[in-house]
C-alpha cells in the first residue's frame, strides 16, 4: 500500500525540514515538497507535527507484564507462565506496548536461567517469529543474551550467579540452534580469558554483536576483547563494571571503553541509573556518535498495580515515585534492580537535558544546545546509533535499513507533538508507522491499529 505523509516537520539526519514523505512497499520512496498524490495513495496529514525516526531499544527485558526469560506475569498468583499460549500472548502484548511508546525495533534481552529453560524460550521465540501473523512481530529484531556468560558475583547486579556459564562456542551453538538464528547480541565478559576470546571471535565471524558489561575485567583484558571485535559496553556507569585510577593493567573496563574509538556505550537516561551530569560527561567524552539510549526496562513497566516481585530468587520493588526499581532487602536502598523507562520518556529526558545548562562532574559545564541541534542528538542516541551497531543503518541495505528518515530506508516513523511543559520537553505520540504501515494511533480510544 502507498502512503503520503503531508505537512510534516521531518527530522532528517542533519536538519529539521518542512516536507512531505512518500511511502511505497514499506519504504520511504521520496522526500519532497510535492503534495500531489497518485491513485491508491492514502494521505496522512501530519498537521505540522514532527516526524522522527522510530526508536530502537537495543536493550530491554520486558514491559506490560511480560519478561522474555520468564514469560507472562500473573499478578493474581505472583507467578510467571512460559506455557506457549501465555508466552505468545505476553510477547505480542509487549511488542504492541513498545509500539505505543514509539519503539519500532527491540533487542529483547534475557536474564540468566538453566540451559533447559533457555532452550525452551528460544524455541518459542523462533516459532513466534516464524509463524505469527501479528502486525507488530517485526519489532522484535533479535535476542540479546545478557546474563548467561557473566562471571564475577560482585558484578552480578540483579542477575543470579547460579546460572552463570563459562563462555563456550558449543553451548552458544546449542542456544542459537534453538533460537532459529535469532540471537543477535551477546554479553561476554572478558575476565573469562581465552574462553571469552574464543566465543567473541565466533560471534564476530557470524555477524553477532559482542557486548561486555557486569564485568570485573582489567583494562588489558577488555582491550584484548575489543581487538577481537567487542564493540558495545553494557549500560555504562550503572554499577557493575570495573574501573581503576591506578596505572596497572591499563585500568579497568571503564577506562577501556571510554578510551576506545571502536566502542559504543549504552546509557539508561532515566535520571536514576546514571546521574544526568555523568551522562553528559560520558557523551562529551565518547561523542554523540558513540552513545546509545536504552530503556533496560523490565516486565513491571506500565504495571501500575504491582509493587513487589521476585525473579530467579532475586526480589525487587518499585520505588515510591514509580520511576525505577530497587533490589528488595538490600541495606543500600539505592541498589537498583532494573528500569521502568520507556523510549519516549528517554527521548524526552535527553531533549530536556541537552537544552539546559548542566554542570558536569568531570566537566565544569555542559552548555545548552538549540532545540534543533538537541533534537538531532536525541534522535542519534535513540534511533541512528543503535541502527549502526546492528548493521542496519546504511541505506544500501534495502531490506532492513532503518534509523533515519532517508529515501530507500524502511518507513519506521513517529508522528508526534513536541512541547515544553514546566521547563521540560514532552513528546506526545500521535501515530507510529512500522515498515510503512500504521500500527498505533493515539485516538481517544488509544487505538492499536
Protein backbone atom coordinates (compact mmCIF):
# COMPACT_ATOMS: atom_id res chain seq x y z
CA UNK A 1 0.00 0.00 0.00
CA UNK A 2 1.10 3.56 -0.72
CA UNK A 3 1.01 6.38 1.81
CA UNK A 4 1.93 10.04 1.71
CA UNK A 5 2.66 11.99 4.87
CA UNK A 6 1.99 15.68 4.23
CA UNK A 7 2.70 18.85 6.21
CA UNK A 8 5.48 17.21 8.21
CA UNK A 9 8.30 18.76 10.19
CA UNK A 10 10.59 15.88 9.32
CA UNK A 11 13.79 15.25 11.24
CA UNK A 12 16.29 14.30 8.55
CA UNK A 13 19.80 13.16 9.58
CA UNK A 14 21.20 16.71 9.80
CA UNK A 15 18.25 19.09 9.77
CA UNK A 16 14.59 19.67 10.57
CA UNK A 17 12.73 20.20 7.28
CA UNK A 18 9.14 21.06 6.33
CA UNK A 19 8.39 18.42 3.73
CA UNK A 20 6.25 15.51 2.56
CA UNK A 21 7.18 11.84 2.72
CA UNK A 22 6.06 9.22 0.18
CA UNK A 23 5.94 5.60 1.33
CA UNK A 24 5.71 2.64 -1.01
CA UNK A 25 6.16 -1.07 -0.29
CA UNK A 26 7.13 -0.30 3.28
CA UNK A 27 9.96 2.07 2.35
CA UNK A 28 10.45 5.81 2.09
CA UNK A 29 10.29 6.32 -1.66
CA UNK A 30 10.55 10.12 -1.82
CA UNK A 31 11.09 13.15 0.42
CA UNK A 32 9.98 16.35 -1.29
CA UNK A 33 7.80 19.47 -1.26
CA UNK A 34 5.48 17.84 -3.80
CA UNK A 35 1.99 17.40 -2.31
CA UNK A 36 0.47 15.69 -5.34
CA UNK A 37 -0.79 12.15 -4.82
CA UNK A 38 -1.48 9.47 -7.37
CA UNK A 39 -4.17 6.82 -7.37
CA UNK A 40 -4.41 4.35 -4.48
CA UNK A 41 -2.39 6.60 -2.17
CA UNK A 42 -3.58 7.12 1.41
CA UNK A 43 -2.74 10.58 2.72
CA UNK A 44 -1.69 11.09 6.33
CA UNK A 45 -1.78 14.78 7.25
CA UNK A 46 0.85 15.37 9.93
CA UNK A 47 -0.68 18.78 10.62
CA UNK A 48 2.78 20.36 11.05
CA UNK A 49 3.64 17.81 13.73
CA UNK A 50 7.13 16.38 13.95
CA UNK A 51 8.01 13.21 12.06
CA UNK A 52 11.03 11.48 13.59
CA UNK A 53 12.65 8.05 13.14
CA UNK A 54 11.15 5.21 15.18
CA UNK A 55 13.07 4.42 18.35
CA UNK A 56 15.34 1.39 18.56
CA UNK A 57 15.55 -0.03 22.07
CA UNK A 58 18.69 -2.11 21.91
CA UNK A 59 18.39 -3.46 25.47
CA UNK A 60 15.05 -4.25 27.13
CA UNK A 61 13.98 -7.20 29.29
CA UNK A 62 10.24 -6.68 29.02
CA UNK A 63 7.20 -4.49 29.51
CA UNK A 64 3.47 -4.72 30.28
CA UNK A 65 3.73 -7.88 32.37
CA UNK A 66 5.99 -9.83 30.01
CA UNK A 67 9.58 -10.88 30.68
CA UNK A 68 11.50 -12.52 27.84
CA UNK A 69 13.14 -15.10 30.10
CA UNK A 70 10.27 -15.84 32.46
CA UNK A 71 7.16 -15.26 30.38
CA UNK A 72 3.84 -13.66 31.25
CA UNK A 73 3.31 -12.49 34.82
CA UNK A 74 0.02 -13.16 36.61
CA UNK A 75 -0.43 -10.54 39.32
CA UNK A 76 -3.14 -12.64 40.98
CA UNK A 77 -0.76 -15.56 41.63
CA UNK A 78 2.50 -13.55 41.56
CA UNK A 79 3.93 -16.12 39.16
CA UNK A 80 5.18 -16.25 35.59
CA UNK A 81 3.98 -18.64 32.91
CA UNK A 82 6.02 -19.91 29.97
CA UNK A 83 3.28 -22.09 28.56
CA UNK A 84 3.23 -21.48 24.82
CA UNK A 85 -0.19 -19.74 24.68
CA UNK A 86 0.68 -17.42 27.57
CA UNK A 87 4.17 -16.76 26.23
CA UNK A 88 2.86 -15.81 22.78
CA UNK A 89 0.14 -13.66 24.35
CA UNK A 90 2.67 -11.84 26.52
CA UNK A 91 5.15 -11.35 23.70
CA UNK A 92 2.52 -9.87 21.42
CA UNK A 93 1.24 -7.59 24.21
CA UNK A 94 4.78 -6.41 24.92
CA UNK A 95 5.56 -5.61 21.28
CA UNK A 96 2.28 -3.71 20.98
CA UNK A 97 3.15 -1.73 24.11
CA UNK A 98 6.59 -0.88 22.71
CA UNK A 99 4.92 0.45 19.56
CA UNK A 100 2.66 2.68 21.63
CA UNK A 101 5.78 4.35 23.03
CA UNK A 102 7.36 4.87 19.60
CA UNK A 103 9.69 1.85 19.61
CA UNK A 104 9.85 0.18 16.21
CA UNK A 105 12.74 -2.23 16.90
CA UNK A 106 13.95 -4.00 20.05
CA UNK A 107 16.89 -6.08 21.15
CA UNK A 108 14.90 -8.26 23.57
CA UNK A 109 17.16 -9.15 26.48
CA UNK A 110 17.41 -12.34 28.52
CA UNK A 111 18.29 -12.72 32.14
CA UNK A 112 20.06 -15.96 33.06
CA UNK A 113 18.34 -19.32 33.53
CA UNK A 114 19.01 -23.03 33.21
CA UNK A 115 20.11 -24.36 29.82
CA UNK A 116 16.85 -26.29 29.53
CA UNK A 117 14.71 -23.23 30.18
CA UNK A 118 16.74 -21.02 27.85
CA UNK A 119 16.37 -23.50 25.00
CA UNK A 120 12.63 -23.70 25.61
CA UNK A 121 12.05 -19.96 25.45
CA UNK A 122 14.39 -19.58 22.47
CA UNK A 123 12.42 -22.24 20.60
CA UNK A 124 9.14 -20.46 21.36
CA UNK A 125 10.58 -17.15 20.18
CA UNK A 126 11.69 -18.75 16.92
CA UNK A 127 8.23 -20.28 16.44
CA UNK A 128 6.54 -16.93 17.15
CA UNK A 129 8.77 -15.06 14.69
CA UNK A 130 8.33 -17.73 12.01
CA UNK A 131 4.60 -18.38 12.32
CA UNK A 132 2.84 -15.47 13.99
CA UNK A 133 0.74 -13.20 11.80
CA UNK A 134 0.97 -10.36 14.32
CA UNK A 135 1.34 -6.92 12.77
CA UNK A 136 3.97 -6.00 15.39
CA UNK A 137 6.24 -9.05 15.30
CA UNK A 138 8.83 -7.28 13.12
CA UNK A 139 9.56 -5.01 16.10
CA UNK A 140 11.44 -7.99 17.56
CA UNK A 141 14.84 -7.64 15.90
CA UNK A 142 16.59 -10.31 17.90
CA UNK A 143 17.60 -11.81 21.24
CA UNK A 144 20.17 -10.08 23.44
CA UNK A 145 21.79 -12.59 25.82
CA UNK A 146 22.92 -10.61 28.86
CA UNK A 147 23.32 -12.87 31.89
CA UNK A 148 24.42 -16.27 30.58
CA UNK A 149 28.16 -15.65 30.16
CA UNK A 150 28.82 -13.45 33.19
CA UNK A 151 31.31 -14.49 35.89
CA UNK A 152 32.03 -12.38 38.97
CA UNK A 153 29.33 -12.42 41.68
CA UNK A 154 30.40 -8.95 42.86
CA UNK A 155 29.30 -7.56 39.49
CA UNK A 156 26.06 -9.54 39.21
CA UNK A 157 23.67 -6.61 39.62
CA UNK A 158 20.19 -8.17 39.65
CA UNK A 159 21.37 -11.37 37.94
CA UNK A 160 21.51 -14.76 39.69
CA UNK A 161 25.07 -16.22 39.62
CA UNK A 162 23.64 -19.73 39.92
CA UNK A 163 23.10 -19.72 36.16
CA UNK A 164 26.35 -18.10 35.00
CA UNK A 165 28.25 -20.19 32.42
CA UNK A 166 31.82 -20.23 31.15
CA UNK A 167 31.83 -18.91 27.55
CA UNK A 168 31.52 -21.85 25.17
CA UNK A 169 31.10 -21.89 21.41
CA UNK A 170 29.50 -25.32 21.73
CA UNK A 171 26.93 -24.09 24.27
CA UNK A 172 26.21 -20.95 22.25
CA UNK A 173 25.59 -23.01 19.11
CA UNK A 174 23.00 -25.04 21.04
CA UNK A 175 21.24 -21.83 22.07
CA UNK A 176 21.41 -20.35 18.58
CA UNK A 177 20.01 -23.54 17.03
CA UNK A 178 17.07 -23.47 19.47
CA UNK A 179 16.56 -19.77 18.68
CA UNK A 180 16.49 -20.35 14.94
CA UNK A 181 19.38 -17.95 14.42
CA UNK A 182 17.65 -15.08 16.22
CA UNK A 183 20.35 -14.36 18.82
CA UNK A 184 21.82 -11.04 17.66
CA UNK A 185 23.72 -9.62 20.69
CA UNK A 186 25.68 -11.46 23.41
CA UNK A 187 27.29 -10.18 26.61
CA UNK A 188 30.66 -11.94 27.08
CA UNK A 189 32.76 -10.68 30.00
CA UNK A 190 36.48 -10.59 29.12
CA UNK A 191 37.70 -11.82 32.54
CA UNK A 192 36.97 -15.38 31.38
CA UNK A 193 40.21 -15.09 29.40
CA UNK A 194 40.78 -17.46 26.47
CA UNK A 195 37.26 -18.89 26.69
CA UNK A 196 35.80 -15.40 26.27
CA UNK A 197 38.07 -14.60 23.34
CA UNK A 198 37.10 -17.82 21.53
CA UNK A 199 33.41 -17.04 21.85
CA UNK A 200 33.91 -13.40 20.84
CA UNK A 201 35.74 -14.50 17.69
CA UNK A 202 32.90 -16.91 16.85
CA UNK A 203 30.25 -14.21 17.40
CA UNK A 204 32.04 -11.65 15.26
CA UNK A 205 32.58 -14.20 12.48
CA UNK A 206 28.81 -14.79 12.45
CA UNK A 207 27.89 -11.07 12.46
CA UNK A 208 26.60 -11.15 16.04
CA UNK A 209 27.16 -8.03 18.13
CA UNK A 210 29.52 -8.67 21.03
CA UNK A 211 28.89 -6.70 24.23
CA UNK A 212 30.55 -6.60 27.65
CA UNK A 213 29.12 -5.43 30.95
CA UNK A 214 28.67 -6.63 34.53
CA UNK A 215 32.39 -7.18 34.26
CA UNK A 216 35.39 -7.23 36.60
CA UNK A 217 37.82 -7.28 33.67
CA UNK A 218 41.03 -5.33 33.79
CA UNK A 219 41.59 -2.76 31.09
CA UNK A 220 44.12 -5.11 29.50
CA UNK A 221 41.57 -7.92 29.29
CA UNK A 222 38.90 -5.56 27.97
CA UNK A 223 41.23 -4.14 25.30
CA UNK A 224 42.09 -7.65 24.14
CA UNK A 225 38.37 -8.32 23.67
CA UNK A 226 37.98 -5.03 21.75
CA UNK A 227 40.79 -6.09 19.44
CA UNK A 228 38.84 -9.30 18.70
CA UNK A 229 35.60 -7.46 17.86
CA UNK A 230 33.88 -6.40 21.11
CA UNK A 231 32.17 -3.06 20.35
CA UNK A 232 29.32 -2.48 22.82
CA UNK A 233 29.57 -1.58 26.52
CA UNK A 234 26.53 -2.65 28.56
CA UNK A 235 24.68 0.16 30.45
CA UNK A 236 27.79 2.15 31.36
CA UNK A 237 28.26 3.70 34.83
CA UNK A 238 25.39 1.59 36.07
CA UNK A 239 27.43 0.00 38.84
CA UNK A 240 28.75 -3.38 37.67
CA UNK A 241 31.79 -2.53 35.53
CA UNK A 242 35.35 -2.41 36.81
CA UNK A 243 37.44 0.74 36.98
CA UNK A 244 40.81 1.71 38.40
CA UNK A 245 42.59 5.02 38.85
CA UNK A 246 45.91 3.18 39.10
CA UNK A 247 48.29 2.76 36.12
CA UNK A 248 48.37 -1.03 36.40
CA UNK A 249 46.75 -3.41 33.87
CA UNK A 250 45.52 -0.42 31.80
CA UNK A 251 42.86 0.36 34.37
CA UNK A 252 39.51 -1.42 34.21
CA UNK A 253 36.57 -1.78 31.84
CA UNK A 254 35.54 1.87 32.34
CA UNK A 255 38.92 3.18 31.22
CA UNK A 256 38.93 0.83 28.23
CA UNK A 257 35.51 1.63 26.78
CA UNK A 258 35.94 5.36 27.36
CA UNK A 259 39.29 5.37 25.57
CA UNK A 260 38.46 3.09 22.65
CA UNK A 261 37.15 4.65 19.44
CA UNK A 262 35.60 1.31 18.48
CA UNK A 263 33.31 1.08 21.48
CA UNK A 264 29.67 2.16 21.55
CA UNK A 265 28.21 2.68 25.02
CA UNK A 266 24.68 2.02 26.28
CA UNK A 267 23.19 4.63 28.62
CA UNK A 268 19.94 4.43 30.62
CA UNK A 269 18.68 8.04 30.58
CA UNK A 270 16.07 7.82 33.33
CA UNK A 271 17.94 10.13 35.71
CA UNK A 272 18.35 7.38 38.32
CA UNK A 273 20.65 4.72 36.88
CA UNK A 274 23.13 7.42 35.88
CA UNK A 275 23.19 10.98 37.21
CA UNK A 276 22.48 13.28 34.25
CA UNK A 277 25.74 15.15 34.96
CA UNK A 278 27.74 11.96 34.47
CA UNK A 279 25.62 11.03 31.47
CA UNK A 280 26.52 14.29 29.74
CA UNK A 281 30.16 13.77 30.72
CA UNK A 282 30.12 10.36 29.02
CA UNK A 283 28.55 11.81 25.88
CA UNK A 284 31.16 14.58 25.84
CA UNK A 285 33.99 12.06 26.18
CA UNK A 286 32.68 9.48 23.69
CA UNK A 287 30.94 11.90 21.28
CA UNK A 288 27.25 11.73 20.47
CA UNK A 289 28.06 9.31 17.63
CA UNK A 290 29.06 6.53 20.05
CA UNK A 291 26.27 6.80 22.65
CA UNK A 292 23.09 4.73 22.63
CA UNK A 293 19.99 5.31 24.76
CA UNK A 294 18.42 2.12 26.11
CA UNK A 295 15.49 1.51 28.43
CA UNK A 296 16.71 -1.71 30.14
CA UNK A 297 13.02 -1.94 31.06
CA UNK A 298 11.52 -4.85 32.96
CA UNK A 299 8.13 -6.53 32.93
CA UNK A 300 6.79 -4.22 35.65
CA UNK A 301 6.95 -1.26 33.26
CA UNK A 302 3.42 0.14 32.88
CA UNK A 303 2.01 -2.28 35.50
CA UNK A 304 0.50 0.20 37.94
CA UNK A 305 -0.84 -2.28 40.48
CA UNK A 306 2.41 -4.20 41.03
CA UNK A 307 4.80 -3.09 43.78
CA UNK A 308 6.99 -6.12 44.62
CA UNK A 309 8.10 -9.22 42.71
CA UNK A 310 10.78 -11.91 42.50
CA UNK A 311 12.71 -13.30 39.51
CA UNK A 312 15.10 -16.27 39.82
CA UNK A 313 15.19 -15.82 43.58
CA UNK A 314 16.09 -12.12 43.40
CA UNK A 315 13.44 -9.80 44.87
CA UNK A 316 12.64 -6.33 43.57
CA UNK A 317 10.31 -3.49 44.46
CA UNK A 318 9.05 -0.44 42.58
CA UNK A 319 10.16 2.91 44.01
CA UNK A 320 7.59 5.12 45.71
CA UNK A 321 7.55 7.54 42.78
CA UNK A 322 7.25 4.57 40.38
CA UNK A 323 10.16 5.75 38.24
CA UNK A 324 12.71 2.99 38.96
CA UNK A 325 13.08 -0.45 40.61
CA UNK A 326 15.14 -1.23 43.71
CA UNK A 327 16.59 -4.54 44.87
CA UNK A 328 14.39 -5.52 47.81
CA UNK A 329 16.11 -6.34 51.10
CA UNK A 330 19.38 -4.60 50.25
CA UNK A 331 20.78 -2.43 53.04
CA UNK A 332 21.54 0.20 50.43
CA UNK A 333 18.18 1.37 49.13
CA UNK A 334 19.98 2.87 46.14
CA UNK A 335 20.77 -0.61 44.78
CA UNK A 336 18.75 -0.75 41.56
CA UNK A 337 17.12 -3.89 40.17
CA UNK A 338 16.17 -2.54 36.79
CA UNK A 339 14.35 0.13 34.89
CA UNK A 340 10.78 1.03 34.07
CA UNK A 341 11.83 3.53 31.43
CA UNK A 342 10.17 3.72 28.02
CA UNK A 343 11.94 5.12 24.97
CA UNK A 344 9.63 8.10 24.56
CA UNK A 345 10.50 9.17 28.12
CA UNK A 346 14.19 8.56 27.39
CA UNK A 347 13.86 10.85 24.37
CA UNK A 348 12.05 13.48 26.47
CA UNK A 349 14.80 13.42 29.10
CA UNK A 350 17.63 13.72 26.59
CA UNK A 351 15.95 16.58 24.74
CA UNK A 352 15.38 18.41 28.02
CA UNK A 353 18.93 17.87 29.31
CA UNK A 354 20.54 18.85 26.01
CA UNK A 355 18.73 22.21 26.02
CA UNK A 356 19.66 23.20 29.58
CA UNK A 357 22.98 24.34 31.09
CA UNK A 358 24.03 21.44 33.34
CA UNK A 359 27.13 21.17 35.49
CA UNK A 360 29.13 18.02 34.87
CA UNK A 361 31.29 16.06 37.27
CA UNK A 362 34.33 15.65 35.03
CA UNK A 363 33.39 18.78 33.04
CA UNK A 364 32.66 22.14 34.59
CA UNK A 365 29.61 22.92 32.44
CA UNK A 366 27.65 21.41 29.57
CA UNK A 367 26.33 24.38 27.63
CA UNK A 368 22.76 24.15 26.27
CA UNK A 369 22.11 23.36 22.63
CA UNK A 370 19.49 24.99 20.45
CA UNK A 371 16.31 22.92 20.02
CA UNK A 372 17.08 21.61 16.53
CA UNK A 373 20.60 20.50 17.43
CA UNK A 374 19.30 18.87 20.62
CA UNK A 375 16.58 17.10 18.63
CA UNK A 376 19.16 15.70 16.20
CA UNK A 377 21.36 14.46 19.07
CA UNK A 378 18.48 12.83 20.94
CA UNK A 379 17.44 11.06 17.73
CA UNK A 380 21.00 9.84 17.14
CA UNK A 381 21.01 8.19 20.56
CA UNK A 382 17.51 6.74 20.27
CA UNK A 383 17.47 5.70 16.60
CA UNK A 384 20.56 6.21 14.44
CA UNK A 385 23.32 4.87 16.68
CA UNK A 386 21.59 1.62 17.68
CA UNK A 387 20.84 1.01 13.99
CA UNK A 388 24.56 1.41 13.27
CA UNK A 389 25.53 -1.10 15.97
CA UNK A 390 23.09 -3.61 14.50
CA UNK A 391 24.41 -3.03 10.98
CA UNK A 392 21.05 -1.66 9.82
CA UNK A 393 21.81 2.00 9.17
CA UNK A 394 23.25 2.01 5.65
CA UNK A 395 20.57 2.73 3.09
CA UNK A 396 22.31 0.37 0.67
CA UNK A 397 20.82 -2.42 2.78
CA UNK A 398 17.41 -2.09 1.14
CA UNK A 399 15.82 -4.95 3.02
CA UNK A 400 16.42 -3.86 6.63
CA UNK A 401 17.95 -0.37 6.73
CA UNK A 402 16.43 1.93 9.33
CA UNK A 403 17.33 4.50 11.98
CA UNK A 404 16.83 7.73 10.00
CA UNK A 405 14.44 9.41 7.58
CA UNK A 406 16.07 8.93 4.18
CA UNK A 407 14.91 7.67 0.83
CA UNK A 408 15.10 3.86 0.40
CA UNK A 409 15.01 3.24 4.14
CA UNK A 410 12.27 1.38 5.96
CA UNK A 411 9.38 3.67 6.87
CA UNK A 412 9.69 3.26 10.65
CA UNK A 413 8.34 6.61 11.79
CA UNK A 414 6.77 8.52 14.66
CA UNK A 415 4.37 11.43 14.15
CA UNK A 416 4.23 13.49 17.34
CA UNK A 417 3.86 16.84 19.03
CA UNK A 418 6.86 18.10 20.99
CA UNK A 419 6.06 20.80 23.52
CA UNK A 420 7.69 22.34 26.55
CA UNK A 421 5.79 21.62 29.77
CA UNK A 422 7.07 23.09 33.04
CA UNK A 423 10.51 23.68 31.52
CA UNK A 424 10.74 20.05 30.28
CA UNK A 425 10.12 18.78 26.78
CA UNK A 426 7.35 16.26 26.23
CA UNK A 427 6.84 14.07 23.18
CA UNK A 428 3.17 13.24 22.62
CA UNK A 429 2.88 10.46 20.06
CA UNK A 430 0.06 10.74 17.55
CA UNK A 431 0.89 7.86 15.20
CA UNK A 432 3.52 5.15 14.82
CA UNK A 433 4.32 3.69 11.41
CA UNK A 434 6.15 0.37 11.20
CA UNK A 435 7.53 -0.81 7.87
CA UNK A 436 5.24 1.61 6.07
CA UNK A 437 2.09 0.55 7.93
CA UNK A 438 0.37 2.48 10.73
CA UNK A 439 0.41 0.30 13.87
CA UNK A 440 -0.66 2.79 16.51
CA UNK A 441 -2.86 5.86 16.59
CA UNK A 442 -3.42 7.93 19.72
CA UNK A 443 -7.16 8.36 19.32
CA UNK A 444 -9.39 8.83 22.32
CA UNK A 445 -9.63 5.04 22.49
CA UNK A 446 -5.77 4.68 22.36
CA UNK A 447 -6.37 2.56 19.31
CA UNK A 448 -3.99 -0.20 18.30
CA UNK A 449 -4.38 -0.48 14.53
